[in-house]
Amino acid sequence: MDDLIYPASLLAIVITAFSFFQSGNTKFALFVLAIGIYIIYSHETGNTATDFKNNMINSIDEKATEFKKTDDTGRYDTYSAKKLVDKGK
């Protein structure tokens, strides 16, 4: 069953893009084709948008931790910042 999901999703993308193109919605057709390109890229390389997001967040977190360690003032406290953010929700 899992072997059919990838080709079926590509077929659905092609049919949807074709129907958008036939009805004159070229912007939507290009958007659907971009989604298809993303599906093919993520399937072939294993790189996904979620992995990219997680890598960016981890990089920012590491840089903030390094900044906190090198900052002489000692005023930046991640726990109090988290409390302020959670309090605003």
C-alpha atoms as a PDB file:
ATOM      1  CA  MET A   1       0.000   0.000   0.000  1.00  0.00           C
ATOM      2  CA  ASP A   2       2.822   2.405   0.853  1.00  0.00           C
ATOM      3  CA  ASP A   3       4.340   1.846  -2.577  1.00  0.00           C
ATOM      4  CA  LEU A   4       1.268   3.356  -4.243  1.00  0.00           C
ATOM      5  CA  ILE A   5       1.061   6.561  -2.188  1.00  0.00           C
ATOM      6  CA  TYR A   6       3.957   8.370  -3.902  1.00  0.00           C
ATOM      7  CA  PRO A   7       2.865   7.691  -7.516  1.00  0.00           C
ATOM      8  CA  ALA A   8      -0.780   8.325  -6.622  1.00  0.00           C
ATOM      9  CA  SER A   9       0.057  11.697  -5.093  1.00  0.00           C
ATOM     10  CA  LEU A  10       2.059  12.661  -8.187  1.00  0.00           C
ATOM     11  CA  LEU A  11      -0.843  11.587 -10.408  1.00  0.00           C
ATOM     12  CA  ALA A  12      -3.230  13.677  -8.310  1.00  0.00           C
ATOM     13  CA  ILE A  13      -0.873  16.670  -8.628  1.00  0.00           C
ATOM     14  CA  VAL A  14      -0.694  16.283 -12.414  1.00  0.00           C
ATOM     15  CA  ILE A  15      -4.477  15.949 -12.789  1.00  0.00           C
ATOM     16  CA  THR A  16      -5.117  18.929 -10.502  1.00  0.00           C
ATOM     17  CA  ALA A  17      -2.553  21.110 -12.282  1.00  0.00           C
ATOM     18  CA  PHE A  18      -3.996  20.130 -15.666  1.00  0.00           C
ATOM     19  CA  SER A  19      -7.538  20.959 -14.595  1.00  0.00           C
ATOM     20  CA  PHE A  20      -6.439  24.336 -13.212  1.00  0.00           C
ATOM     21  CA  PHE A  21      -4.556  25.063 -16.428  1.00  0.00           C
ATOM     22  CA  GLN A  22      -7.551  24.104 -18.589  1.00  0.00           C
ATOM     23  CA  SER A  23      -9.861  26.361 -16.599  1.00  0.00           C
ATOM     24  CA  GLY A  24      -7.521  29.335 -17.010  1.00  0.00           C
ATOM     25  CA  ASN A  25      -6.095  29.394 -13.488  1.00  0.00           C
ATOM     26  CA  THR A  26      -2.429  29.362 -14.412  1.00  0.00           C
ATOM     27  CA  LYS A  27      -1.332  30.738 -11.044  1.00  0.00           C
ATOM     28  CA  PHE A  28      -2.988  27.842  -9.240  1.00  0.00           C
ATOM     29  CA  ALA A  29      -1.569  25.402 -11.785  1.00  0.00           C
ATOM     30  CA  LEU A  30       1.943  26.711 -11.131  1.00  0.00           C
ATOM     31  CA  PHE A  31       1.336  26.546  -7.378  1.00  0.00           C
ATOM     32  CA  VAL A  32       0.226  22.913  -7.628  1.00  0.00           C
ATOM     33  CA  LEU A  33       3.266  22.128  -9.788  1.00  0.00           C
ATOM     34  CA  ALA A  34       5.488  23.739  -7.142  1.00  0.00           C
ATOM     35  CA  ILE A  35       3.915  21.429  -4.562  1.00  0.00           C
ATOM     36  CA  GLY A  36       4.668  18.503  -6.860  1.00  0.00           C
ATOM     37  CA  ILE A  37       8.277  19.620  -7.205  1.00  0.00           C
ATOM     38  CA  TYR A  38       8.545  19.809  -3.417  1.00  0.00           C
ATOM     39  CA  ILE A  39       7.108  16.277  -3.086  1.00  0.00           C
ATOM     40  CA  ILE A  40       9.619  14.912  -5.593  1.00  0.00           C
ATOM     41  CA  TYR A  41      12.519  16.803  -3.976  1.00  0.00           C
ATOM     42  CA  SER A  42      11.669  15.650  -0.459  1.00  0.00           C
ATOM     43  CA  HIS A  43      11.158  12.072  -1.630  1.00  0.00           C
ATOM     44  CA  GLU A  44      14.455  11.891  -3.507  1.00  0.00           C
ATOM     45  CA  THR A  45      16.689  13.746  -1.044  1.00  0.00           C
ATOM     46  CA  GLY A  46      14.996  13.131   2.285  1.00  0.00           C
ATOM     47  CA  ASN A  47      15.188  16.857   3.105  1.00  0.00           C
ATOM     48  CA  THR A  48      11.860  18.231   4.259  1.00  0.00           C
ATOM     49  CA  ALA A  49      10.638  21.657   5.321  1.00  0.00           C
ATOM     50  CA  THR A  50      10.251  20.363   8.884  1.00  0.00           C
ATOM     51  CA  ASP A  51      13.904  19.289   8.990  1.00  0.00           C
ATOM     52  CA  PHE A  52      14.935  22.704   7.680  1.00  0.00           C
ATOM     53  CA  LYS A  53      12.820  24.438  10.338  1.00  0.00           C
ATOM     54  CA  ASN A  54      14.222  22.250  13.119  1.00  0.00           C
ATOM     55  CA  ASN A  55      17.794  22.911  11.978  1.00  0.00           C
ATOM     56  CA  MET A  56      17.169  26.661  11.962  1.00  0.00           C
ATOM     57  CA  ILE A  57      15.618  26.606  15.429  1.00  0.00           C
ATOM     58  CA  ASN A  58      18.475  24.534  16.845  1.00  0.00           C
ATOM     59  CA  SER A  59      21.016  26.881  15.256  1.00  0.00           C
ATOM     60  CA  ILE A  60      19.324  29.952  16.731  1.00  0.00           C
ATOM     61  CA  ASP A  61      19.091  28.258  20.131  1.00  0.00           C
ATOM     62  CA  GLU A  62      22.811  27.385  20.068  1.00  0.00           C
ATOM     63  CA  LYS A  63      23.769  30.936  19.105  1.00  0.00           C
ATOM     64  CA  ALA A  64      21.564  32.380  21.862  1.00  0.00           C
ATOM     65  CA  THR A  65      23.165  30.038  24.395  1.00  0.00           C
ATOM     66  CA  GLU A  66      26.648  31.058  23.230  1.00  0.00           C
ATOM     67  CA  PHE A  67      25.638  34.712  23.461  1.00  0.00           C
ATOM     68  CA  LYS A  68      24.345  34.206  26.979  1.00  0.00           C
ATOM     69  CA  LYS A  69      27.641  32.612  28.020  1.00  0.00           C
ATOM     70  CA  THR A  70      29.769  35.380  26.490  1.00  0.00           C
ATOM     71  CA  ASP A  71      27.538  38.250  27.616  1.00  0.00           C
ATOM     72  CA  ASP A  72      29.097  39.937  30.658  1.00  0.00           C
ATOM     73  CA  THR A  73      25.902  41.547  31.917  1.00  0.00           C
ATOM     74  CA  GLY A  74      24.159  38.286  32.782  1.00  0.00           C
ATOM     75  CA  ARG A  75      20.776  39.927  32.221  1.00  0.00           C
ATOM     76  CA  TYR A  76      19.476  37.565  29.529  1.00  0.00           C
ATOM     77  CA  ASP A  77      17.596  34.747  31.195  1.00  0.00           C
ATOM     78  CA  THR A  78      15.929  32.235  28.887  1.00  0.00           C
ATOM     79  CA  TYR A  79      13.639  30.907  31.599  1.00  0.00           C
ATOM     80  CA  SER A  80      12.174  34.300  32.453  1.00  0.00           C
ATOM     81  CA  ALA A  81      11.761  35.061  28.745  1.00  0.00           C
ATOM     82  CA  LYS A  82       9.901  31.771  28.313  1.00  0.00           C
ATOM     83  CA  LYS A  83       7.662  32.639  31.268  1.00  0.00           C
ATOM     84  CA  LEU A  84       6.814  35.996  29.666  1.00  0.00           C
ATOM     85  CA  VAL A  85       5.993  34.370  26.338  1.00  0.00           C
ATOM     86  CA  ASP A  86       3.856  31.671  27.975  1.00  0.00           C
ATOM     87  CA  LYS A  87       2.092  34.298  30.075  1.00  0.00           C
ATOM     88  CA  GLY A  88       1.054  36.205  26.938  1.00  0.00           C
ATOM     89  CA  LYS A  89      -0.730  33.184  25.442  1.00  0.00           C
END
